[in-house]
Amino acid sequence: MKEIDRLIQGHTKNWRLSRMAAVDRNVLRLAVFELLADLETPGTVVINEALEIAKKYSTNESAQFVNGILDSIKNDLQQERRTE
């Protein structure tokens, strides 16, 4: 969880995890875990599922917030995997 939180925190600007809505924070954590652990599921699928959860249980603004963070993390992880 520390690695996941570190990744999320590194891709947010002026947002501490403690300031995020609980739903948003936990959706991000779950999606980042999937991006790290499940290499077979495309990142876009993971993000789309996270957005659906955020829209249903949080707000539309939350979906945009979650999308921006997850897309940034996905791109960085893809770049890291290419260089390995």
C-alpha atoms as a PDB file:
ATOM      1  CA  MET A   1       0.000   0.000   0.000  1.00  0.00           C
ATOM      2  CA  LYS A   2       2.917   2.367   0.630  1.00  0.00           C
ATOM      3  CA  GLU A   3       4.100   1.966  -2.960  1.00  0.00           C
ATOM      4  CA  ILE A   4       0.585   2.562  -4.280  1.00  0.00           C
ATOM      5  CA  ASP A   5       0.109   5.666  -2.140  1.00  0.00           C
ATOM      6  CA  ARG A   6       3.548   6.931  -3.187  1.00  0.00           C
ATOM      7  CA  LEU A   7       2.599   6.541  -6.858  1.00  0.00           C
ATOM      8  CA  ILE A   8      -0.709   8.313  -6.384  1.00  0.00           C
ATOM      9  CA  GLN A   9       0.865  11.127  -4.378  1.00  0.00           C
ATOM     10  CA  GLY A  10       3.560  11.551  -7.016  1.00  0.00           C
ATOM     11  CA  HIS A  11       0.927  12.147  -9.693  1.00  0.00           C
ATOM     12  CA  THR A  12      -1.301  14.569  -7.839  1.00  0.00           C
ATOM     13  CA  LYS A  13      -0.689  18.264  -7.671  1.00  0.00           C
ATOM     14  CA  ASN A  14      -1.569  20.038  -4.450  1.00  0.00           C
ATOM     15  CA  TRP A  15      -3.622  17.077  -3.208  1.00  0.00           C
ATOM     16  CA  ARG A  16      -2.696  15.014  -0.203  1.00  0.00           C
ATOM     17  CA  LEU A  17      -4.290  11.597   0.082  1.00  0.00           C
ATOM     18  CA  SER A  18      -5.941  12.663   3.318  1.00  0.00           C
ATOM     19  CA  ARG A  19      -7.717  15.516   1.490  1.00  0.00           C
ATOM     20  CA  MET A  20      -9.228  13.249  -1.166  1.00  0.00           C
ATOM     21  CA  ALA A  21     -12.718  11.898  -0.827  1.00  0.00           C
ATOM     22  CA  ALA A  22     -12.571   8.379   0.611  1.00  0.00           C
ATOM     23  CA  VAL A  23     -14.241   6.888  -2.465  1.00  0.00           C
ATOM     24  CA  ASP A  24     -11.798   8.589  -4.827  1.00  0.00           C
ATOM     25  CA  ARG A  25      -8.779   7.600  -2.750  1.00  0.00           C
ATOM     26  CA  ASN A  26      -9.823   3.964  -2.595  1.00  0.00           C
ATOM     27  CA  VAL A  27     -10.805   3.771  -6.263  1.00  0.00           C
ATOM     28  CA  LEU A  28      -7.350   5.113  -7.088  1.00  0.00           C
ATOM     29  CA  ARG A  29      -5.680   2.597  -4.801  1.00  0.00           C
ATOM     30  CA  LEU A  30      -7.562  -0.319  -6.301  1.00  0.00           C
ATOM     31  CA  ALA A  31      -6.910   0.761  -9.880  1.00  0.00           C
ATOM     32  CA  VAL A  32      -3.205   1.380  -9.252  1.00  0.00           C
ATOM     33  CA  PHE A  33      -2.932  -2.068  -7.686  1.00  0.00           C
ATOM     34  CA  GLU A  34      -4.490  -3.542 -10.828  1.00  0.00           C
ATOM     35  CA  LEU A  35      -2.148  -1.554 -13.069  1.00  0.00           C
ATOM     36  CA  LEU A  36       0.832  -2.880 -11.101  1.00  0.00           C
ATOM     37  CA  ALA A  37      -0.243  -6.488 -10.575  1.00  0.00           C
ATOM     38  CA  ASP A  38      -2.375  -7.451 -13.574  1.00  0.00           C
ATOM     39  CA  LEU A  39      -0.300  -7.065 -16.713  1.00  0.00           C
ATOM     40  CA  GLU A  40      -2.849  -8.865 -18.893  1.00  0.00           C
ATOM     41  CA  THR A  41      -5.721  -6.411 -18.449  1.00  0.00           C
ATOM     42  CA  PRO A  42      -5.178  -3.310 -20.597  1.00  0.00           C
ATOM     43  CA  GLY A  43      -4.660  -0.130 -18.601  1.00  0.00           C
ATOM     44  CA  THR A  44      -7.511   1.579 -20.411  1.00  0.00           C
ATOM     45  CA  VAL A  45      -9.904  -1.120 -19.187  1.00  0.00           C
ATOM     46  CA  VAL A  46      -8.705  -0.678 -15.602  1.00  0.00           C
ATOM     47  CA  ILE A  47      -9.169   3.081 -15.879  1.00  0.00           C
ATOM     48  CA  ASN A  48     -12.626   2.800 -17.452  1.00  0.00           C
ATOM     49  CA  GLU A  49     -13.810   0.525 -14.657  1.00  0.00           C
ATOM     50  CA  ALA A  50     -12.419   2.923 -12.047  1.00  0.00           C
ATOM     51  CA  LEU A  51     -14.223   5.811 -13.722  1.00  0.00           C
ATOM     52  CA  GLU A  52     -17.523   3.950 -13.671  1.00  0.00           C
ATOM     53  CA  ILE A  53     -17.146   3.320  -9.949  1.00  0.00           C
ATOM     54  CA  ALA A  54     -16.188   6.955  -9.308  1.00  0.00           C
ATOM     55  CA  LYS A  55     -19.197   8.208 -11.305  1.00  0.00           C
ATOM     56  CA  LYS A  56     -21.573   5.890  -9.503  1.00  0.00           C
ATOM     57  CA  TYR A  57     -20.344   6.375  -5.946  1.00  0.00           C
ATOM     58  CA  SER A  58     -18.781   9.837  -6.061  1.00  0.00           C
ATOM     59  CA  THR A  59     -19.245  12.754  -8.484  1.00  0.00           C
ATOM     60  CA  ASN A  60     -18.634  13.468 -12.167  1.00  0.00           C
ATOM     61  CA  GLU A  61     -15.820  15.806 -11.112  1.00  0.00           C
ATOM     62  CA  SER A  62     -14.296  12.898  -9.238  1.00  0.00           C
ATOM     63  CA  ALA A  63     -14.271  10.856 -12.422  1.00  0.00           C
ATOM     64  CA  GLN A  64     -12.224  13.541 -14.173  1.00  0.00           C
ATOM     65  CA  PHE A  65      -9.857  13.757 -11.210  1.00  0.00           C
ATOM     66  CA  VAL A  66      -9.414   9.968 -11.054  1.00  0.00           C
ATOM     67  CA  ASN A  67      -8.960   9.760 -14.825  1.00  0.00           C
ATOM     68  CA  GLY A  68      -6.159  12.321 -14.873  1.00  0.00           C
ATOM     69  CA  ILE A  69      -4.218  10.639 -12.103  1.00  0.00           C
ATOM     70  CA  LEU A  70      -4.661   7.090 -13.402  1.00  0.00           C
ATOM     71  CA  ASP A  71      -3.777   8.031 -16.970  1.00  0.00           C
ATOM     72  CA  SER A  72      -0.567   9.665 -15.763  1.00  0.00           C
ATOM     73  CA  ILE A  73       0.348   6.636 -13.655  1.00  0.00           C
ATOM     74  CA  LYS A  74      -0.477   4.222 -16.500  1.00  0.00           C
ATOM     75  CA  ASN A  75       1.749   6.152 -18.905  1.00  0.00           C
ATOM     76  CA  ASP A  76       4.654   6.198 -16.452  1.00  0.00           C
ATOM     77  CA  LEU A  77       4.329   2.469 -15.751  1.00  0.00           C
ATOM     78  CA  GLN A  78       4.255   1.705 -19.483  1.00  0.00           C
ATOM     79  CA  GLN A  79       7.360   3.796 -19.996  1.00  0.00           C
ATOM     80  CA  GLU A  80       9.155   2.030 -17.134  1.00  0.00           C
ATOM     81  CA  ARG A  81       8.254  -1.393 -18.550  1.00  0.00           C
ATOM     82  CA  ARG A  82       9.539  -0.449 -21.990  1.00  0.00           C
ATOM     83  CA  THR A  83      12.913   0.568 -20.591  1.00  0.00           C
ATOM     84  CA  GLU A  84      13.343  -2.611 -18.550  1.00  0.00           C
END
